[in-house]
Amino acid sequence: MTDFFRKHKIVVIIFALALIARAALFFINLDANGGNFEETVHGSDWYFEVAKNLEAGEGFAIFAGEPSAIHVPLYPLFLFFSLFLFGNFAFAVVVQVIIGSIIPVLGKIVAFKIVPSEKISLLVGFFLALEPNFVLFSSIFFTETLFIFIFLLFFIAFLTYFKNTDARFLALSALLLGMATLIKTVTQFLPIILLPLLWWFVRKKLPIKTVFLHFGLFAVVFVLVLSPWLYRNYKVFGAPGMTIMPTLNLYATLVPSVLSVENGTSFNEARDAFLKQTGVDLKTLTFANASDFNKEAFGELWQNKLSFIKVSAVNIFTFFTHDGMLTVLENAGITPERYLSRSALELFFFSPVQFAKTVYQYIFSPFVLVLVMRLFWLLVTALFLVGTILLLRRKMFTVSVALSLATVLYFAGTTPSNGLTVNARFRMPVYPIILTIALYSVFERKRQKDDYSSLNPVSTK
């Protein structure tokens, strides 16, 4: 044990620091909720309710007797497993806290694979151990912690494959990506980007026949992992889809966001008015009629093209810069006297005087942390852009860098359907990548490209 600690002491310290931070915030949140355990861990995406209905024999349902087309299975099953074995959710929270404490270690590994710098990887690991959103989501019932844990394992396995072209790592990465998709469907189209990159990077290292076999292996394993859930939805709803959430977001989130900008109203006002105008009950949305909802939503977006462009621009900017600190403070029982009429970003651009008054009002309160963290992420975003440019200009566009940047762009590109509701949760899976490249721009600018010659640089010919 002593030898293990001596050899891996930094990793152990990162894990221990993360564990202490997560346990401490959980008990702070528990106290803020008057000792009510379920209120502390509940979350707001109905996973709690689905797990309860699974235990009651109602299947994957938010409301008893009404099969849900929204959720995918692994996270509700994870919560159900805790209920089934122990009769409560305590086991699920303990497991989440533990794997949430492992995530900083995985983040450190990912960082080193992108840029081989011990300094940068250590900073990424320690930051993820203490980052408020990662700490918070380790003990509440959202998919983030379990999803990020599996997703980072996938990313490590996928990068390892490119180093040794061992098909076992490729199959493992496809398996892990399939599991991650059954937790959070945001990654269901990621292979569309990954498979062309797979072709590009191994086409000169392996015989063409082997490349095709590996290409097919990844696709087959990924689809096989998803197939039981696709079959379930076909049997229950008559269509083999993953989830109706993209359509729900498009119709009930993106369109109202665009209309709120178009009409100068709040998001909630715009959504209420839109749903009242259409007379649609969102409970009627299924795989069978999703195309009708999509058609109507796209029609609204086409009629308000300029506002859609504005919302998309705000969306992407928010993806990179949102801090998530207000959610952290609220869960700890610290709430503002009144909330903003619009997002801080909207106020900054469209009502700068009101924005300044709001900042001044909260500057001497705990809510100053919101401002501090927002400025921090603005800085990180700027450094990430600088780091990306430096890597490209110095011809250090390695396999790891290319896959990392493609992954960040993919996650950023999947957020517009969420309109003005985008927050820090959407960026969390790619925190390690963004931080690594941002830190590269600070610490590694003077490294010579020869230091990266072993990392399979992309041919620029």
Protein backbone atom coordinates (compact mmCIF):
# COMPACT_ATOMS: atom_id res chain seq x y z
CA MET A 1 0.00 0.00 0.00
CA THR A 2 2.88 2.36 0.84
CA ASP A 3 4.53 1.63 -2.51
CA PHE A 4 1.24 2.23 -4.33
CA PHE A 5 0.76 5.60 -2.62
CA ARG A 6 4.36 6.62 -3.31
CA LYS A 7 4.00 5.70 -6.99
CA HIS A 8 0.55 7.26 -7.48
CA LYS A 9 0.46 9.87 -4.74
CA ILE A 10 -0.64 12.73 -7.00
CA VAL A 11 -3.55 10.69 -8.36
CA VAL A 12 -4.53 9.66 -4.82
CA ILE A 13 -4.37 13.28 -3.65
CA ILE A 14 -6.58 14.44 -6.54
CA PHE A 15 -9.11 11.70 -5.80
CA ALA A 16 -9.09 12.42 -2.06
CA LEU A 17 -9.49 16.17 -2.59
CA ALA A 18 -12.39 15.55 -4.98
CA LEU A 19 -14.04 13.14 -2.54
CA ILE A 20 -13.78 15.59 0.37
CA ALA A 21 -15.20 18.46 -1.73
CA ARG A 22 -18.15 16.36 -2.93
CA ALA A 23 -18.98 15.00 0.52
CA ALA A 24 -18.75 18.48 2.04
CA LEU A 25 -21.08 20.08 -0.52
CA PHE A 26 -23.56 17.23 -0.20
CA PHE A 27 -23.90 17.82 3.55
CA ILE A 28 -24.17 21.59 2.99
CA ASN A 29 -26.99 20.96 0.52
CA LEU A 30 -28.60 18.45 2.86
CA ASP A 31 -28.62 21.03 5.63
CA ALA A 32 -30.08 23.63 3.26
CA ASN A 33 -32.96 21.22 2.59
CA GLY A 34 -33.67 20.71 6.27
CA GLY A 35 -32.17 17.23 6.29
CA ASN A 36 -34.56 15.98 3.59
CA PHE A 37 -32.45 13.50 1.64
CA GLU A 38 -34.76 13.09 -1.36
CA GLU A 39 -35.18 16.83 -1.82
CA THR A 40 -31.39 17.21 -1.76
CA VAL A 41 -30.71 14.65 -4.51
CA HIS A 42 -33.91 14.88 -6.54
CA GLY A 43 -32.83 16.71 -9.72
CA SER A 44 -35.32 18.07 -12.24
CA ASP A 45 -35.24 15.82 -15.32
CA TRP A 46 -37.71 13.18 -14.05
CA TYR A 47 -35.10 10.45 -13.53
CA PHE A 48 -36.20 10.22 -9.90
CA GLU A 49 -39.79 9.57 -11.00
CA VAL A 50 -38.82 7.03 -13.68
CA ALA A 51 -36.75 5.06 -11.16
CA LYS A 52 -39.67 5.04 -8.73
CA ASN A 53 -42.00 3.76 -11.45
CA LEU A 54 -39.51 1.07 -12.42
CA GLU A 55 -39.53 -0.10 -8.82
CA ALA A 56 -43.35 -0.08 -8.84
CA GLY A 57 -43.42 -2.24 -11.98
CA GLU A 58 -44.67 0.56 -14.25
CA GLY A 59 -41.67 0.40 -16.59
CA PHE A 60 -39.89 3.42 -18.05
CA ALA A 61 -42.57 5.95 -17.23
CA ILE A 62 -42.64 9.46 -15.78
CA PHE A 63 -46.32 9.04 -14.99
CA ALA A 64 -47.64 5.62 -14.00
CA GLY A 65 -49.11 3.76 -16.96
CA GLU A 66 -47.63 6.16 -19.57
CA PRO A 67 -44.42 4.78 -21.15
CA SER A 68 -41.87 7.56 -21.60
CA ALA A 69 -40.35 8.30 -25.00
CA ILE A 70 -38.04 10.90 -23.44
CA HIS A 71 -35.53 8.95 -21.38
CA VAL A 72 -32.93 6.39 -22.34
CA PRO A 73 -32.43 3.45 -19.98
CA LEU A 74 -29.08 3.31 -18.23
CA TYR A 75 -29.39 6.17 -15.75
CA PRO A 76 -32.93 5.25 -14.59
CA LEU A 77 -31.72 1.65 -14.25
CA PHE A 78 -28.74 2.85 -12.21
CA LEU A 79 -31.11 4.61 -9.78
CA PHE A 80 -33.52 1.66 -9.79
CA PHE A 81 -30.66 -0.67 -8.87
CA SER A 82 -30.12 1.36 -5.70
CA LEU A 83 -33.82 1.19 -4.84
CA PHE A 84 -34.05 -2.52 -5.60
CA LEU A 85 -31.06 -3.49 -3.45
CA PHE A 86 -31.34 -1.07 -0.54
CA GLY A 87 -34.82 0.43 -0.67
CA ASN A 88 -33.49 3.97 -1.04
CA PHE A 89 -31.23 6.15 -3.17
CA ALA A 90 -28.30 6.34 -0.73
CA PHE A 91 -26.28 3.74 -2.63
CA ALA A 92 -26.73 5.68 -5.90
CA VAL A 93 -25.45 8.86 -4.27
CA VAL A 94 -22.42 7.09 -2.79
CA VAL A 95 -21.55 5.57 -6.18
CA GLN A 96 -22.00 8.93 -7.92
CA VAL A 97 -19.74 10.66 -5.40
CA ILE A 98 -17.06 8.00 -5.89
CA ILE A 99 -17.11 8.02 -9.69
CA GLY A 100 -17.43 11.82 -9.57
CA SER A 101 -14.16 11.79 -7.62
CA ILE A 102 -12.56 9.54 -10.25
CA ILE A 103 -13.53 11.92 -13.08
CA PRO A 104 -10.71 14.41 -12.22
CA VAL A 105 -8.23 11.54 -12.51
CA LEU A 106 -9.65 10.59 -15.91
CA GLY A 107 -9.52 14.26 -16.88
CA LYS A 108 -5.83 14.31 -15.98
CA ILE A 109 -5.23 11.29 -18.24
CA VAL A 110 -7.15 12.88 -21.11
CA ALA A 111 -5.20 16.13 -20.71
CA PHE A 112 -1.85 14.30 -20.92
CA LYS A 113 -2.95 12.44 -24.05
CA ILE A 114 -3.83 15.73 -25.73
CA VAL A 115 -0.73 17.67 -24.66
CA PRO A 116 2.05 15.61 -23.02
CA SER A 117 2.72 18.04 -20.20
CA GLU A 118 2.67 16.88 -16.59
CA LYS A 119 2.10 20.45 -15.41
CA ILE A 120 -0.99 20.91 -17.56
CA SER A 121 -2.46 17.51 -16.73
CA LEU A 122 -2.01 18.11 -12.99
CA LEU A 123 -3.73 21.50 -13.19
CA VAL A 124 -6.63 19.96 -15.11
CA GLY A 125 -6.96 17.18 -12.54
CA PHE A 126 -6.93 19.53 -9.54
CA PHE A 127 -9.34 21.94 -11.21
CA LEU A 128 -11.88 19.20 -11.95
CA ALA A 129 -11.56 18.00 -8.36
CA LEU A 130 -12.81 21.37 -7.08
CA GLU A 131 -14.85 22.79 -9.98
CA PRO A 132 -18.25 23.69 -8.44
CA ASN A 133 -20.44 22.11 -11.12
CA PHE A 134 -18.59 18.80 -11.05
CA VAL A 135 -18.81 18.81 -7.26
CA LEU A 136 -22.54 19.60 -7.27
CA PHE A 137 -23.65 17.12 -9.93
CA SER A 138 -21.87 14.28 -8.16
CA SER A 139 -24.66 14.15 -5.58
CA ILE A 140 -27.84 15.10 -7.44
CA PHE A 141 -29.82 13.03 -9.91
CA PHE A 142 -28.82 14.31 -13.31
CA THR A 143 -27.09 12.18 -15.93
CA GLU A 144 -23.92 14.29 -16.00
CA THR A 145 -21.68 12.40 -13.56
CA LEU A 146 -22.33 8.88 -14.86
CA PHE A 147 -22.30 10.09 -18.48
CA ILE A 148 -19.01 12.00 -18.16
CA PHE A 149 -17.37 9.07 -16.36
CA ILE A 150 -18.24 6.66 -19.20
CA PHE A 151 -17.57 9.25 -21.90
CA LEU A 152 -14.04 10.00 -20.66
CA LEU A 153 -13.31 6.26 -20.51
CA PHE A 154 -14.46 6.06 -24.15
CA PHE A 155 -12.25 8.99 -25.10
CA ILE A 156 -9.19 7.44 -23.45
CA ALA A 157 -9.82 4.07 -25.14
CA PHE A 158 -10.34 5.73 -28.52
CA LEU A 159 -7.11 7.73 -28.27
CA THR A 160 -5.27 4.59 -27.13
CA TYR A 161 -6.46 2.80 -30.27
CA PHE A 162 -4.81 5.41 -32.48
CA LYS A 163 -1.54 4.87 -30.64
CA ASN A 164 -1.43 1.08 -31.03
CA THR A 165 -4.17 0.35 -33.64
CA ASP A 166 -5.27 -2.57 -31.47
CA ALA A 167 -8.83 -3.45 -32.53
CA ARG A 168 -9.69 -4.45 -28.96
CA PHE A 169 -9.39 -0.83 -27.84
CA LEU A 170 -11.53 0.24 -30.80
CA ALA A 171 -14.24 -2.26 -29.85
CA LEU A 172 -14.01 -1.15 -26.22
CA SER A 173 -14.37 2.50 -27.25
CA ALA A 174 -17.47 1.68 -29.33
CA LEU A 175 -18.95 -0.22 -26.39
CA LEU A 176 -18.32 2.68 -24.02
CA LEU A 177 -19.68 5.26 -26.47
CA GLY A 178 -22.82 3.16 -26.86
CA MET A 179 -23.22 3.01 -23.08
CA ALA A 180 -22.70 6.76 -22.81
CA THR A 181 -25.39 7.30 -25.47
CA LEU A 182 -27.80 5.14 -23.46
CA ILE A 183 -27.23 7.55 -20.57
CA LYS A 184 -27.39 10.82 -22.54
CA THR A 185 -28.27 10.74 -26.25
CA VAL A 186 -26.20 13.79 -27.15
CA THR A 187 -23.48 11.41 -28.44
CA GLN A 188 -25.72 9.36 -30.74
CA PHE A 189 -24.40 11.12 -33.87
CA LEU A 190 -20.78 11.43 -32.74
CA PRO A 191 -19.70 8.42 -34.88
CA ILE A 192 -20.56 10.49 -37.97
CA ILE A 193 -17.51 12.59 -37.06
CA LEU A 194 -15.40 9.83 -35.53
CA LEU A 195 -15.54 7.32 -38.38
CA PRO A 196 -14.12 9.70 -41.04
CA LEU A 197 -11.38 10.66 -38.57
CA LEU A 198 -10.75 6.97 -37.96
CA TRP A 199 -10.31 6.48 -41.70
CA TRP A 200 -8.03 9.49 -42.08
CA PHE A 201 -5.63 8.65 -39.29
CA VAL A 202 -5.16 4.93 -39.86
CA ARG A 203 -5.36 4.70 -43.65
CA LYS A 204 -1.54 4.86 -43.99
CA LYS A 205 -0.76 2.73 -40.95
CA LEU A 206 -2.89 -0.30 -41.78
CA PRO A 207 -3.78 -2.28 -44.94
CA ILE A 208 -6.94 -0.97 -46.60
CA LYS A 209 -8.81 -4.20 -45.84
CA THR A 210 -7.97 -3.88 -42.13
CA VAL A 211 -9.10 -0.26 -42.13
CA PHE A 212 -12.52 -1.29 -43.47
CA LEU A 213 -12.75 -4.11 -40.93
CA HIS A 214 -11.97 -1.70 -38.08
CA PHE A 215 -14.40 0.83 -39.52
CA GLY A 216 -17.14 -1.79 -39.55
CA LEU A 217 -16.19 -3.13 -36.11
CA PHE A 218 -16.73 0.24 -34.46
CA ALA A 219 -20.06 0.82 -36.23
CA VAL A 220 -21.39 -2.67 -35.49
CA VAL A 221 -20.49 -2.66 -31.80
CA PHE A 222 -21.97 0.83 -31.34
CA VAL A 223 -25.25 -0.11 -33.05
CA LEU A 224 -25.48 -3.43 -31.19
CA VAL A 225 -25.26 -1.62 -27.84
CA LEU A 226 -28.13 0.68 -28.85
CA SER A 227 -30.27 -1.98 -30.51
CA PRO A 228 -32.17 -3.30 -27.44
CA TRP A 229 -33.45 0.21 -26.68
CA LEU A 230 -34.29 0.87 -30.34
CA TYR A 231 -36.25 -2.39 -30.38
CA ARG A 232 -38.07 -1.46 -27.16
CA ASN A 233 -39.21 1.82 -28.68
CA TYR A 234 -40.30 0.05 -31.86
CA LYS A 235 -42.44 -2.37 -29.85
CA VAL A 236 -43.88 0.32 -27.56
CA PHE A 237 -44.22 3.30 -29.92
CA GLY A 238 -44.04 1.78 -33.38
CA ALA A 239 -40.78 3.52 -34.32
CA PRO A 240 -37.15 2.57 -33.57
CA GLY A 241 -35.98 5.94 -32.28
CA MET A 242 -33.78 6.72 -29.30
CA THR A 243 -35.73 9.61 -27.76
CA ILE A 244 -38.18 12.36 -28.69
CA MET A 245 -36.12 14.88 -26.70
CA PRO A 246 -34.59 16.60 -29.79
CA THR A 247 -38.08 17.31 -31.13
CA LEU A 248 -39.29 18.38 -27.70
CA ASN A 249 -36.37 20.78 -27.37
CA LEU A 250 -36.88 22.12 -30.86
CA TYR A 251 -40.61 22.75 -30.37
CA ALA A 252 -40.80 23.77 -26.72
CA THR A 253 -37.41 25.41 -26.18
CA LEU A 254 -35.75 26.68 -29.37
CA VAL A 255 -38.87 28.13 -31.01
CA PRO A 256 -39.95 29.96 -27.80
CA SER A 257 -36.38 31.25 -27.42
CA VAL A 258 -36.45 32.68 -30.93
CA LEU A 259 -39.92 34.17 -30.38
CA SER A 260 -38.80 35.75 -27.10
CA VAL A 261 -36.00 37.58 -28.94
CA GLU A 262 -38.28 38.43 -31.86
CA ASN A 263 -41.02 39.88 -29.62
CA GLY A 264 -38.87 41.23 -26.78
CA THR A 265 -40.54 39.04 -24.15
CA SER A 266 -39.20 36.59 -21.58
CA PHE A 267 -38.64 32.96 -22.52
CA ASN A 268 -41.49 31.73 -20.30
CA GLU A 269 -43.91 34.29 -21.74
CA ALA A 270 -42.94 33.33 -25.28
CA ARG A 271 -43.32 29.62 -24.62
CA ASP A 272 -46.72 30.01 -22.93
CA ALA A 273 -47.97 32.17 -25.80
CA PHE A 274 -46.66 29.78 -28.47
CA LEU A 275 -48.15 26.67 -26.88
CA LYS A 276 -51.45 28.48 -26.31
CA GLN A 277 -51.49 29.61 -29.94
CA THR A 278 -50.84 26.10 -31.28
CA GLY A 279 -53.15 24.44 -28.75
CA VAL A 280 -50.75 21.51 -28.57
CA ASP A 281 -50.48 19.19 -25.58
CA LEU A 282 -46.81 18.15 -25.48
CA LYS A 283 -47.86 14.83 -23.92
CA THR A 284 -49.18 13.88 -27.36
CA LEU A 285 -45.68 14.05 -28.87
CA THR A 286 -44.48 10.56 -29.89
CA PHE A 287 -42.09 9.02 -32.37
CA ALA A 288 -44.98 8.65 -34.78
CA ASN A 289 -45.90 12.34 -34.98
CA ALA A 290 -42.48 13.89 -34.25
CA SER A 291 -42.07 14.85 -37.92
CA ASP A 292 -45.22 17.01 -37.72
CA PHE A 293 -43.86 18.85 -34.69
CA ASN A 294 -40.50 19.30 -36.44
CA LYS A 295 -42.17 20.67 -39.56
CA GLU A 296 -44.13 23.26 -37.60
CA ALA A 297 -41.08 24.25 -35.56
CA PHE A 298 -38.88 24.69 -38.65
CA GLY A 299 -41.62 26.83 -40.19
CA GLU A 300 -41.52 29.19 -37.20
CA LEU A 301 -37.72 29.35 -37.32
CA TRP A 302 -37.77 30.15 -41.03
CA GLN A 303 -40.21 33.01 -40.45
CA ASN A 304 -37.92 34.45 -37.78
CA LYS A 305 -34.52 33.77 -39.36
CA LEU A 306 -32.71 36.80 -37.96
CA SER A 307 -33.83 36.08 -34.39
CA PHE A 308 -32.83 32.44 -34.86
CA ILE A 309 -29.33 33.54 -35.87
CA LYS A 310 -29.15 35.80 -32.81
CA VAL A 311 -30.28 32.99 -30.50
CA SER A 312 -27.77 30.58 -32.05
CA ALA A 313 -24.93 33.07 -31.56
CA VAL A 314 -25.91 33.62 -27.92
CA ASN A 315 -26.24 29.85 -27.54
CA ILE A 316 -22.71 29.09 -28.73
CA PHE A 317 -21.25 31.93 -26.67
CA THR A 318 -23.13 30.68 -23.60
CA PHE A 319 -21.93 27.12 -24.21
CA PHE A 320 -18.33 28.24 -23.72
CA THR A 321 -18.81 30.88 -21.02
CA HIS A 322 -21.70 29.90 -18.73
CA ASP A 323 -20.50 29.44 -15.15
CA GLY A 324 -23.31 27.47 -13.46
CA MET A 325 -22.58 29.11 -10.11
CA LEU A 326 -26.16 30.28 -9.50
CA THR A 327 -27.33 26.66 -9.53
CA VAL A 328 -24.57 25.70 -7.09
CA LEU A 329 -25.53 28.51 -4.71
CA GLU A 330 -29.25 27.74 -4.95
CA ASN A 331 -28.68 24.11 -4.04
CA ALA A 332 -26.70 25.30 -1.00
CA GLY A 333 -29.71 27.38 0.10
CA ILE A 334 -28.36 30.73 -1.08
CA THR A 335 -30.96 32.40 -3.30
CA PRO A 336 -31.16 35.95 -4.67
CA GLU A 337 -33.90 38.30 -3.52
CA ARG A 338 -35.10 38.50 -7.10
CA TYR A 339 -34.09 36.90 -10.36
CA LEU A 340 -33.08 38.55 -13.60
CA SER A 341 -35.86 39.25 -16.09
CA ARG A 342 -33.60 37.90 -18.83
CA SER A 343 -30.29 36.04 -18.98
CA ALA A 344 -27.20 37.99 -17.92
CA LEU A 345 -25.87 37.76 -21.46
CA GLU A 346 -29.03 39.28 -22.92
CA LEU A 347 -28.97 42.06 -20.33
CA PHE A 348 -25.30 42.78 -21.07
CA PHE A 349 -25.93 43.22 -24.79
CA PHE A 350 -29.44 44.68 -24.83
CA SER A 351 -29.81 46.43 -21.42
CA PRO A 352 -26.28 47.34 -20.25
CA VAL A 353 -27.51 49.87 -17.66
CA GLN A 354 -29.75 47.28 -16.00
CA PHE A 355 -26.88 44.79 -16.18
CA ALA A 356 -24.53 47.22 -14.39
CA LYS A 357 -27.12 47.90 -11.68
CA THR A 358 -27.61 44.17 -11.14
CA VAL A 359 -23.85 43.54 -10.86
CA TYR A 360 -23.50 46.38 -8.34
CA GLN A 361 -26.41 45.01 -6.28
CA TYR A 362 -24.75 41.62 -5.85
CA ILE A 363 -21.08 42.64 -5.73
CA PHE A 364 -20.94 42.40 -1.91
CA SER A 365 -22.90 39.16 -1.63
CA PRO A 366 -22.11 35.48 -2.32
CA PHE A 367 -23.47 36.07 -5.82
CA VAL A 368 -20.25 37.84 -6.70
CA LEU A 369 -19.01 34.27 -7.29
CA VAL A 370 -21.29 34.14 -10.31
CA LEU A 371 -19.49 37.14 -11.79
CA VAL A 372 -16.04 35.80 -10.86
CA MET A 373 -16.69 32.40 -12.47
CA ARG A 374 -18.26 33.98 -15.55
CA LEU A 375 -15.14 36.12 -16.03
CA PHE A 376 -13.01 33.03 -15.46
CA TRP A 377 -14.75 31.11 -18.23
CA LEU A 378 -14.55 34.09 -20.56
CA LEU A 379 -10.79 34.04 -20.00
CA VAL A 380 -10.61 30.27 -20.49
CA THR A 381 -12.57 30.56 -23.75
CA ALA A 382 -10.19 33.22 -25.05
CA LEU A 383 -7.17 31.10 -24.08
CA PHE A 384 -8.77 28.02 -25.68
CA LEU A 385 -9.05 29.91 -28.98
CA VAL A 386 -5.44 31.11 -28.69
CA GLY A 387 -4.26 27.59 -27.87
CA THR A 388 -6.12 26.16 -30.87
CA ILE A 389 -4.53 28.71 -33.20
CA LEU A 390 -1.07 28.00 -31.79
CA LEU A 391 -1.48 24.26 -32.26
CA LEU A 392 -2.57 24.75 -35.86
CA ARG A 393 0.10 27.32 -36.72
CA ARG A 394 2.90 25.19 -35.31
CA LYS A 395 1.72 22.11 -37.19
CA MET A 396 1.04 20.25 -33.95
CA PHE A 397 -2.33 19.09 -35.24
CA THR A 398 -1.91 15.60 -33.80
CA VAL A 399 -4.43 12.79 -33.70
CA SER A 400 -5.30 13.67 -30.11
CA VAL A 401 -5.68 17.38 -30.87
CA ALA A 402 -7.81 16.75 -33.96
CA LEU A 403 -10.16 14.39 -32.12
CA SER A 404 -10.35 16.74 -29.16
CA LEU A 405 -11.26 19.79 -31.23
CA ALA A 406 -13.78 17.80 -33.26
CA THR A 407 -15.41 16.63 -30.03
CA VAL A 408 -15.66 20.15 -28.61
CA LEU A 409 -17.18 21.41 -31.86
CA TYR A 410 -19.62 18.51 -31.87
CA PHE A 411 -20.88 19.24 -28.35
CA ALA A 412 -21.09 22.97 -29.11
CA GLY A 413 -22.94 22.21 -32.34
CA THR A 414 -25.58 20.09 -30.61
CA THR A 415 -26.64 22.87 -28.24
CA PRO A 416 -28.61 25.28 -30.48
CA SER A 417 -31.82 23.23 -30.13
CA ASN A 418 -31.78 24.17 -26.44
CA GLY A 419 -32.15 27.86 -27.26
CA LEU A 420 -31.66 30.25 -24.36
CA THR A 421 -31.71 27.46 -21.75
CA VAL A 422 -28.09 26.39 -22.43
CA ASN A 423 -25.94 26.36 -19.31
CA ALA A 424 -22.68 24.97 -17.99
CA ARG A 425 -24.03 21.39 -17.92
CA PHE A 426 -23.75 21.18 -21.70
CA ARG A 427 -20.01 21.96 -21.61
CA MET A 428 -19.05 19.69 -18.74
CA PRO A 429 -18.14 16.59 -20.83
CA VAL A 430 -15.48 18.60 -22.69
CA TYR A 431 -14.13 20.61 -19.73
CA PRO A 432 -10.87 18.59 -19.75
CA ILE A 433 -10.30 19.31 -23.45
CA ILE A 434 -11.06 23.02 -23.24
CA LEU A 435 -8.93 23.47 -20.13
CA THR A 436 -6.01 21.53 -21.59
CA ILE A 437 -5.83 23.59 -24.76
CA ALA A 438 -6.36 26.83 -22.81
CA LEU A 439 -3.49 25.94 -20.47
CA TYR A 440 -1.33 25.00 -23.44
CA SER A 441 -1.60 28.59 -24.65
CA VAL A 442 -0.25 29.74 -21.27
CA PHE A 443 2.45 27.20 -20.39
CA GLU A 444 3.44 25.39 -23.56
CA ARG A 445 3.76 28.12 -26.19
CA LYS A 446 7.53 27.74 -26.48
CA ARG A 447 7.60 23.99 -26.94
CA GLN A 448 9.07 22.87 -30.26
CA LYS A 449 6.99 20.80 -32.59
CA ASP A 450 9.62 18.04 -32.42
CA ASP A 451 8.40 17.30 -28.91
CA TYR A 452 5.16 16.10 -30.49
CA SER A 453 6.62 14.01 -33.30
CA SER A 454 5.62 10.79 -31.51
CA LEU A 455 1.96 11.77 -31.39
CA ASN A 456 1.10 10.95 -35.04
CA PRO A 457 0.89 14.49 -36.47
CA VAL A 458 -1.57 14.92 -39.33
CA SER A 459 -0.05 15.29 -42.73
CA THR A 460 -0.55 18.78 -44.09
CA LYS A 461 0.10 17.74 -47.66
